[in-house]
Structure formats: structure tokens, C-alpha cells
């Protein structure tokens, strides 16, 4: 079976973190989220996967390779100019010819059953099916309105509180039949949410929403949701098969008097000095360093980030190789170098 990961965008919602790191390589539990998605797809039987790349494309190719170590055969679509979510899919029409396929976003972190989604899609003889989850507050999401059979009858984009017609939101996980390509013009910037889906709904086509209520889903494309996903993983609210979300890597060097409270992931090569206090959930990427007497609370340190001696870091995300000066107090911020991409060091 075949699938696609949509990954061509710039992920401006995560700036400045993604000034250095393309969004498919944003780390979750010490590993790029695209790696988690490839295994997720492989576990569901999708062994041929395409991914579109644009920004820092070669770093994505280097990190993911041919996909073999994730259990898939990976094909790349290089986009010199972004063509939109649907436009990128249209460029792969021949790849998907003749069979049902799945599309996921590289920001998705989920345990939604793709088997159940496919069963629902086929039972409705649908052209397109959107995976939906319920949210109490829907102001930041695309809301989907369905009839009792699940047929899509309306959309609301980020409705103001109290005006929502549904609490089911679009996850960016889709099932399509090859007929979907008839709804996408060639060599044109085209988007699913803005153009394809409204056209399907207005034409009363076989377009459905699958209620995956109870499944875990998080769009890690914003700092707040990225924090939530990390918190959920470390706290046990969500798990990724085969991934150890908490613990201390054997190669980490932790001083004997370090105090650790709550769940943490401390990656390879991390150094933590004397008298340090760590409060979880907190994540320390490979090669991160914390100086003597510092305190790190509820924070995420990407690879190579450094917290100076005596510094106090709370509710912070530190980007690749970012340095917090000695004795600094930093709280509630997202900090990263805004260097040119060629100057960024990404393993």
C-alpha cells in the first residue's frame, strides 16, 4: 500500500526553531517526527511512501535516506516552488495510480487506527475521507460538520468560541481514491482545505469524515502543541510503539548530586553538572549541556543546546546549539538561532 507525507512547507508557526531545522526533522522524544510517522505508516501496512520536500530538502534526504530503516521504501518529490498540499499530490498522480492511498501531515503525531479509517472509507464507497478527532476548544482548528452517516456537509475555519457547529476537527489525515486527481488541476498551486474539500462538499460528492474520537492526535506545528505532545509522551498519556520516551542514555554524563524530579528524556552525550536540579517533563537532546548549579524545569532542549552555570530555565524550548548564559533567568520562551540555513549544524 502507498501513502504520502506532506512536508513541503516552511513551518513558520514554529519559528525561530525551524529557521535551522526543516519541519519533518523537528524532534519528538529525541527523534525526527517524520521517523515516527514512517514507522506508523509501516506498522499499518504502508510500505511505499512519498514525501515532498522544499526547504532544507537535502537535510531531510540525509536524515531519512531510502526509508529502509523505518520499514518503507521512500520516494522524494523535490518542489523547486511550493505547489500547495493538493498540488504536490497531483505531481505524484502516476505513483498513486489505481489504488486507495493515505496522506498524512508531517506535523501529525497520532495513534489513529489507519485500518479503521480505511474500513470506514471503503464502507462508504468514498472518494475522500478525513480523519476527525474531537476537541473541547476548536478556535485554532478547521472544524468539519458531518451528517449522521459521516458525510461532510460543512466546514468552519477557526470559528470564534460559541459559533462552532461541531467539535470535530480536521487532523490532516486523509484517505483518497485515485478519482481525487480529477479535482486537482495540473501544475497549479492548489490546497485541500481551501479548494479541493469545499468543491467536493459543494458537489455533494462521496466525501466523508471518520470520527476517530478517542484516538490521540496532536499537530506539533505550534510551540504550545509541541510542548503538549512532549508532555503527553513523557507523562504516559501517549506512547509511540518502539520508542522509549523516558530515561537516561547510557552515554550521558550526569553528576552524582543532580536532582531529577518527574519524567525526563536525557539523550546521548548529554552532560549535566554538579548541583543541577531538573524537573520533568523535560527533554534533553543529544549533546545538550547543563552547567553547575543550574535549574531546568518543564523544558525542551534540542541537540547541542547549553544552559550556563547557575541559570534558571523554566517552560522553555531551546533550539539547536542555542546557549543560555551563566546566571540567566529564562521563562516561557522559545529561543533559537536565526542563522542562515547553511550555517546551522544539523546531524
Protein backbone atom coordinates (compact mmCIF):
# COMPACT_ATOMS: atom_id res chain seq x y z
CA UNK A 1 0.00 0.00 0.00
CA UNK A 2 1.06 3.57 -0.68
CA UNK A 3 1.00 6.77 1.38
CA UNK A 4 2.28 10.33 1.31
CA UNK A 5 3.70 12.60 3.99
CA UNK A 6 3.06 16.27 3.24
CA UNK A 7 6.22 18.10 4.28
CA UNK A 8 6.89 20.91 1.84
CA UNK A 9 6.02 23.93 4.00
CA UNK A 10 8.31 26.23 5.96
CA UNK A 11 6.65 25.67 9.37
CA UNK A 12 6.62 29.37 10.17
CA UNK A 13 4.42 28.67 13.20
CA UNK A 14 7.48 27.14 14.88
CA UNK A 15 9.87 29.98 14.09
CA UNK A 16 12.59 30.56 15.18
CA UNK A 17 13.12 26.82 15.85
CA UNK A 18 12.57 25.90 12.22
CA UNK A 19 14.95 28.56 10.92
CA UNK A 20 17.57 25.84 11.33
CA UNK A 21 15.58 22.63 11.19
CA UNK A 22 13.09 21.64 8.44
CA UNK A 23 9.77 20.68 9.97
CA UNK A 24 9.92 16.92 9.17
CA UNK A 25 13.03 16.80 11.37
CA UNK A 26 11.52 18.53 14.42
CA UNK A 27 12.50 16.14 17.23
CA UNK A 28 9.98 14.29 19.36
CA UNK A 29 11.44 12.09 22.11
CA UNK A 30 14.88 12.59 20.58
CA UNK A 31 13.98 11.55 17.01
CA UNK A 32 12.55 13.42 13.98
CA UNK A 33 8.77 13.30 13.85
CA UNK A 34 8.98 12.11 10.24
CA UNK A 35 10.74 8.97 11.51
CA UNK A 36 7.84 8.30 13.88
CA UNK A 37 5.38 8.80 11.02
CA UNK A 38 7.24 6.43 8.71
CA UNK A 39 7.11 3.69 11.34
CA UNK A 40 3.44 4.47 11.99
CA UNK A 41 2.69 4.01 8.30
CA UNK A 42 4.82 0.88 8.04
CA UNK A 43 3.06 -0.69 11.03
CA UNK A 44 -0.26 -0.12 9.23
CA UNK A 45 0.98 -1.88 6.09
CA UNK A 46 2.01 1.13 4.01
CA UNK A 47 5.35 0.07 2.57
CA UNK A 48 5.74 2.65 -0.21
CA UNK A 49 5.76 6.26 0.96
CA UNK A 50 6.29 9.54 -0.89
CA UNK A 51 7.32 12.79 0.79
CA UNK A 52 7.51 16.25 -0.77
CA UNK A 53 10.49 18.40 0.22
CA UNK A 54 11.41 22.02 -0.40
CA UNK A 55 13.03 23.92 2.49
CA UNK A 56 16.39 22.38 3.55
CA UNK A 57 15.45 19.43 1.38
CA UNK A 58 18.86 17.75 1.34
CA UNK A 59 18.93 17.58 5.13
CA UNK A 60 15.65 15.69 5.07
CA UNK A 61 17.01 13.28 2.47
CA UNK A 62 20.18 12.75 4.51
CA UNK A 63 18.21 12.11 7.71
CA UNK A 64 15.59 9.76 6.26
CA UNK A 65 17.53 8.09 3.46
CA UNK A 66 15.69 5.49 1.41
CA UNK A 67 13.33 4.72 4.29
CA UNK A 68 14.58 1.14 4.73
CA UNK A 69 15.45 1.53 8.41
CA UNK A 70 11.85 2.62 9.05
CA UNK A 71 10.35 -0.30 7.14
CA UNK A 72 9.33 1.54 3.98
CA UNK A 73 10.55 2.41 0.51
CA UNK A 74 10.75 6.20 0.50
CA UNK A 75 10.32 8.35 -2.62
CA UNK A 76 11.05 12.09 -2.70
CA UNK A 77 9.22 14.80 -4.59
CA UNK A 78 11.52 17.85 -4.79
CA UNK A 79 9.49 21.03 -5.19
CA UNK A 80 11.53 23.98 -6.54
CA UNK A 81 8.40 26.05 -5.88
CA UNK A 82 5.74 25.04 -3.40
CA UNK A 83 2.57 23.79 -5.09
CA UNK A 84 0.26 23.53 -2.08
CA UNK A 85 -0.92 20.38 -0.36
CA UNK A 86 -3.09 19.20 -3.26
CA UNK A 87 -0.73 20.48 -5.94
CA UNK A 88 2.11 18.38 -4.50
CA UNK A 89 -0.12 15.31 -4.51
CA UNK A 90 -1.11 15.97 -8.14
CA UNK A 91 2.56 15.79 -9.14
CA UNK A 92 2.58 12.18 -7.87
CA UNK A 93 -0.55 11.07 -9.70
CA UNK A 94 1.25 8.27 -11.54
CA UNK A 95 2.78 6.98 -8.30
CA UNK A 96 -0.69 6.53 -6.76
CA UNK A 97 -2.40 5.29 -9.92
CA UNK A 98 -5.04 2.61 -9.45
CA UNK A 99 -5.25 2.18 -5.67
CA UNK A 100 -6.59 3.64 -2.45
CA UNK A 101 -3.94 5.62 -0.55
CA UNK A 102 -3.39 7.65 2.61
CA UNK A 103 -1.99 11.16 3.13
CA UNK A 104 -0.67 12.46 6.47
CA UNK A 105 0.94 15.74 7.50
CA UNK A 106 4.48 15.80 8.85
CA UNK A 107 3.17 17.71 11.89
CA UNK A 108 0.86 14.84 12.89
CA UNK A 109 1.56 12.77 16.00
CA UNK A 110 -1.17 10.17 16.41
CA UNK A 111 -2.24 6.62 17.15
CA UNK A 112 -5.36 6.80 14.98
CA UNK A 113 -6.11 3.38 13.51
CA UNK A 114 -5.48 3.60 9.78
CA UNK A 115 -7.13 0.20 9.37
CA UNK A 116 -10.36 1.51 10.89
CA UNK A 117 -10.12 4.68 8.80
CA UNK A 118 -9.72 2.62 5.63
CA UNK A 119 -12.62 0.33 6.58
CA UNK A 120 -14.91 3.32 7.09
CA UNK A 121 -13.78 4.89 3.81
CA UNK A 122 -14.46 1.71 1.85
CA UNK A 123 -17.78 1.05 3.55
CA UNK A 124 -18.99 4.47 2.33
CA UNK A 125 -17.51 3.99 -1.17
CA UNK A 126 -15.95 7.39 -0.65
CA UNK A 127 -13.71 9.39 -2.94
CA UNK A 128 -12.17 11.14 0.07
CA UNK A 129 -12.32 10.66 3.83
CA UNK A 130 -10.92 12.95 6.52
CA UNK A 131 -9.82 11.60 9.89
CA UNK A 132 -11.51 13.63 12.65
CA UNK A 133 -10.94 13.96 16.38
CA UNK A 134 -12.97 15.81 18.99
CA UNK A 135 -11.68 18.96 20.69
CA UNK A 136 -13.34 20.88 23.50
CA UNK A 137 -11.98 24.19 22.21
CA UNK A 138 -11.86 24.41 18.42
CA UNK A 139 -10.85 28.02 17.78
CA UNK A 140 -7.45 27.03 16.40
CA UNK A 141 -8.63 24.22 14.14
CA UNK A 142 -10.51 23.51 10.95
CA UNK A 143 -13.93 22.30 12.07
CA UNK A 144 -15.76 19.68 9.99
CA UNK A 145 -19.55 19.26 10.07
CA UNK A 146 -20.95 15.85 9.13
CA UNK A 147 -24.38 14.27 8.85
CA UNK A 148 -25.31 11.12 10.85
CA UNK A 149 -23.71 8.88 8.18
CA UNK A 150 -20.47 10.83 8.34
CA UNK A 151 -20.88 12.69 5.06
CA UNK A 152 -19.22 16.11 5.12
CA UNK A 153 -21.82 18.88 4.93
CA UNK A 154 -19.82 21.92 6.03
CA UNK A 155 -16.57 23.49 7.22
CA UNK A 156 -15.58 26.24 9.62
CA UNK A 157 -12.04 27.56 9.74
CA UNK A 158 -11.03 28.54 13.29
CA UNK A 159 -14.52 29.57 14.39
CA UNK A 160 -14.94 32.03 17.24
CA UNK A 161 -15.94 30.42 20.51
CA UNK A 162 -19.67 29.83 20.64
CA UNK A 163 -20.09 29.84 16.85
CA UNK A 164 -18.77 26.35 16.19
CA UNK A 165 -21.17 23.93 14.51
CA UNK A 166 -19.16 20.88 15.53
CA UNK A 167 -16.36 19.86 17.85
CA UNK A 168 -14.82 17.53 15.29
CA UNK A 169 -11.61 18.88 13.77
CA UNK A 170 -9.57 18.02 10.70
CA UNK A 171 -6.43 16.05 11.59
CA UNK A 172 -4.77 16.30 8.20
CA UNK A 173 -5.00 12.51 7.85
CA UNK A 174 -6.81 11.59 4.65
CA UNK A 175 -7.80 8.56 2.57
CA UNK A 176 -8.25 9.06 -1.16
CA UNK A 177 -9.29 7.13 -4.22
CA UNK A 178 -7.45 7.85 -7.50
CA UNK A 179 -10.56 9.78 -8.61
CA UNK A 180 -9.39 12.62 -6.35
CA UNK A 181 -6.92 13.70 -9.01
CA UNK A 182 -9.77 14.83 -11.25
CA UNK A 183 -10.45 17.53 -8.65
CA UNK A 184 -6.90 18.94 -8.77
CA UNK A 185 -5.65 20.92 -11.80
CA UNK A 186 -2.11 20.16 -13.01
CA UNK A 187 0.84 22.48 -12.42
CA UNK A 188 -1.23 24.80 -10.26
CA UNK A 189 -0.85 25.86 -6.62
CA UNK A 190 -3.79 24.08 -5.02
CA UNK A 191 -4.82 23.36 -1.46
CA UNK A 192 -7.03 20.68 0.07
CA UNK A 193 -8.62 22.82 2.75
CA UNK A 194 -9.17 25.93 0.66
CA UNK A 195 -10.14 24.41 -2.68
CA UNK A 196 -10.46 20.62 -3.05
CA UNK A 197 -12.56 19.86 0.02
CA UNK A 198 -15.05 22.74 -0.41
CA UNK A 199 -15.51 21.71 -4.05
CA UNK A 200 -16.22 18.11 -3.06
CA UNK A 201 -18.72 19.21 -0.43
CA UNK A 202 -20.50 21.66 -2.72
CA UNK A 203 -20.78 18.99 -5.43
CA UNK A 204 -22.30 16.56 -2.90
CA UNK A 205 -19.56 14.08 -3.82
CA UNK A 206 -18.83 10.94 -1.80
CA UNK A 207 -16.82 12.88 0.78
CA UNK A 208 -16.82 11.70 4.40
CA UNK A 209 -15.39 12.40 7.82
CA UNK A 210 -14.34 9.49 10.04
CA UNK A 211 -14.95 10.15 13.73
CA UNK A 212 -11.80 8.82 15.43
CA UNK A 213 -12.95 10.00 18.84
CA UNK A 214 -10.69 8.53 21.50
CA UNK A 215 -7.60 8.40 19.28
CA UNK A 216 -4.62 10.53 20.25
CA UNK A 217 -3.74 13.32 17.83
CA UNK A 218 -1.56 16.38 18.13
CA UNK A 219 -0.42 18.86 15.50
CA UNK A 220 3.09 19.65 16.71
CA UNK A 221 3.38 22.64 14.36
CA UNK A 222 2.93 25.25 17.11
CA UNK A 223 5.05 25.72 20.25
CA UNK A 224 2.09 25.10 22.57
CA UNK A 225 1.07 21.86 20.86
CA UNK A 226 4.68 20.75 20.55
CA UNK A 227 5.04 21.18 24.30
CA UNK A 228 1.79 19.29 24.85
CA UNK A 229 2.95 16.35 22.75
CA UNK A 230 6.24 16.12 24.63
CA UNK A 231 4.43 16.35 27.97
CA UNK A 232 1.97 13.64 26.94
CA UNK A 233 4.75 11.31 25.80
CA UNK A 234 6.86 11.70 28.91
CA UNK A 235 3.87 11.53 31.25
CA UNK A 236 2.48 8.38 29.64
CA UNK A 237 -0.64 9.95 28.13
CA UNK A 238 0.50 8.77 24.71
CA UNK A 239 3.08 6.27 23.53
CA UNK A 240 4.91 5.66 20.27
CA UNK A 241 5.42 1.94 19.60
CA UNK A 242 9.07 1.00 19.92
CA UNK A 243 10.09 4.37 21.39
CA UNK A 244 11.31 4.78 24.94
CA UNK A 245 10.08 8.24 25.82
CA UNK A 246 11.74 8.49 29.24
CA UNK A 247 15.11 7.53 30.64
CA UNK A 248 18.77 8.46 30.55
CA UNK A 249 21.02 7.34 27.72
CA UNK A 250 23.98 5.25 28.82
CA UNK A 251 26.43 7.72 27.28
CA UNK A 252 25.07 10.73 29.21
CA UNK A 253 27.32 12.12 31.97
CA UNK A 254 25.24 13.11 34.99
CA UNK A 255 26.90 14.42 38.19
CA UNK A 256 26.20 12.32 41.25
CA UNK A 257 24.31 15.06 43.12
CA UNK A 258 21.89 16.01 40.32
CA UNK A 259 18.27 16.11 41.47
CA UNK A 260 15.72 14.79 38.98
CA UNK A 261 12.01 15.13 39.68
CA UNK A 262 9.38 13.82 37.28
CA UNK A 263 9.75 12.19 33.86
CA UNK A 264 12.72 13.11 31.69
CA UNK A 265 14.41 12.00 28.50
CA UNK A 266 18.17 12.61 28.56
CA UNK A 267 19.75 11.76 25.24
CA UNK A 268 23.19 10.53 24.15
CA UNK A 269 26.22 12.59 25.06
CA UNK A 270 24.33 14.93 27.40
CA UNK A 271 26.40 16.48 30.21
CA UNK A 272 24.79 17.68 33.44
CA UNK A 273 26.99 19.40 36.03
CA UNK A 274 27.05 19.36 39.80
CA UNK A 275 24.19 20.69 41.88
CA UNK A 276 21.76 20.79 38.96
CA UNK A 277 18.02 20.42 39.52
CA UNK A 278 15.85 19.01 36.71
CA UNK A 279 12.06 18.99 36.88
CA UNK A 280 10.15 16.98 34.32
CA UNK A 281 8.61 16.59 31.97
CA UNK A 282 11.82 17.76 30.31
CA UNK A 283 13.74 16.61 27.24
CA UNK A 284 17.48 16.91 26.62
CA UNK A 285 18.58 16.25 23.04
CA UNK A 286 21.88 14.69 22.04
CA UNK A 287 24.92 16.61 23.24
CA UNK A 288 22.97 19.12 25.35
CA UNK A 289 24.87 20.52 28.32
CA UNK A 290 23.74 21.97 31.67
CA UNK A 291 26.29 23.83 33.80
CA UNK A 292 26.84 23.53 37.54
CA UNK A 293 24.08 24.80 39.80
CA UNK A 294 21.56 25.37 37.03
CA UNK A 295 17.87 24.51 37.15
CA UNK A 296 15.84 23.24 34.19
CA UNK A 297 12.08 22.87 34.64
CA UNK A 298 9.46 21.63 32.15
CA UNK A 299 11.67 22.45 29.19
CA UNK A 300 12.83 21.00 25.88
CA UNK A 301 16.48 21.30 24.88
CA UNK A 302 17.30 20.39 21.28
CA UNK A 303 20.59 18.80 20.28
CA UNK A 304 23.63 20.75 21.37
CA UNK A 305 21.72 23.33 23.46
CA UNK A 306 23.59 24.63 26.51
CA UNK A 307 22.35 26.03 29.80
CA UNK A 308 25.01 28.02 31.61
CA UNK A 309 26.10 27.58 35.22
CA UNK A 310 23.59 28.93 37.71
CA UNK A 311 20.99 29.65 35.03
CA UNK A 312 17.28 29.13 35.70
CA UNK A 313 15.28 27.79 32.73
CA UNK A 314 11.54 27.20 33.06
CA UNK A 315 8.91 26.33 30.41
CA UNK A 316 11.43 26.98 27.65
CA UNK A 317 12.22 25.42 24.27
CA UNK A 318 15.86 25.85 23.24
CA UNK A 319 16.75 25.30 19.59
CA UNK A 320 19.75 23.55 18.09
CA UNK A 321 23.03 24.65 19.75
CA UNK A 322 21.40 27.61 21.49
CA UNK A 323 23.30 28.89 24.56
CA UNK A 324 21.73 30.35 27.71
CA UNK A 325 24.31 32.48 29.51
CA UNK A 326 25.51 31.80 33.05
CA UNK A 327 23.20 33.05 35.83
CA UNK A 328 20.42 33.92 33.36
CA UNK A 329 16.74 33.53 34.20
CA UNK A 330 14.64 32.46 31.20
CA UNK A 331 10.96 31.56 31.43
CA UNK A 332 8.21 30.76 28.94
CA UNK A 333 10.23 31.46 25.79
CA UNK A 334 11.15 29.75 22.53
CA UNK A 335 14.77 30.54 21.73
CA UNK A 336 16.81 29.55 18.70
CA UNK A 337 19.49 30.90 16.40
CA UNK A 338 18.13 32.76 13.40
CA UNK A 339 21.16 31.99 11.26
CA UNK A 340 21.17 31.27 7.58
CA UNK A 341 20.31 27.61 6.88
CA UNK A 342 23.81 26.81 5.59
CA UNK A 343 25.30 27.88 8.92
CA UNK A 344 23.09 25.58 11.01
CA UNK A 345 24.55 22.37 12.32
CA UNK A 346 22.04 19.55 11.95
CA UNK A 347 23.24 15.98 12.49
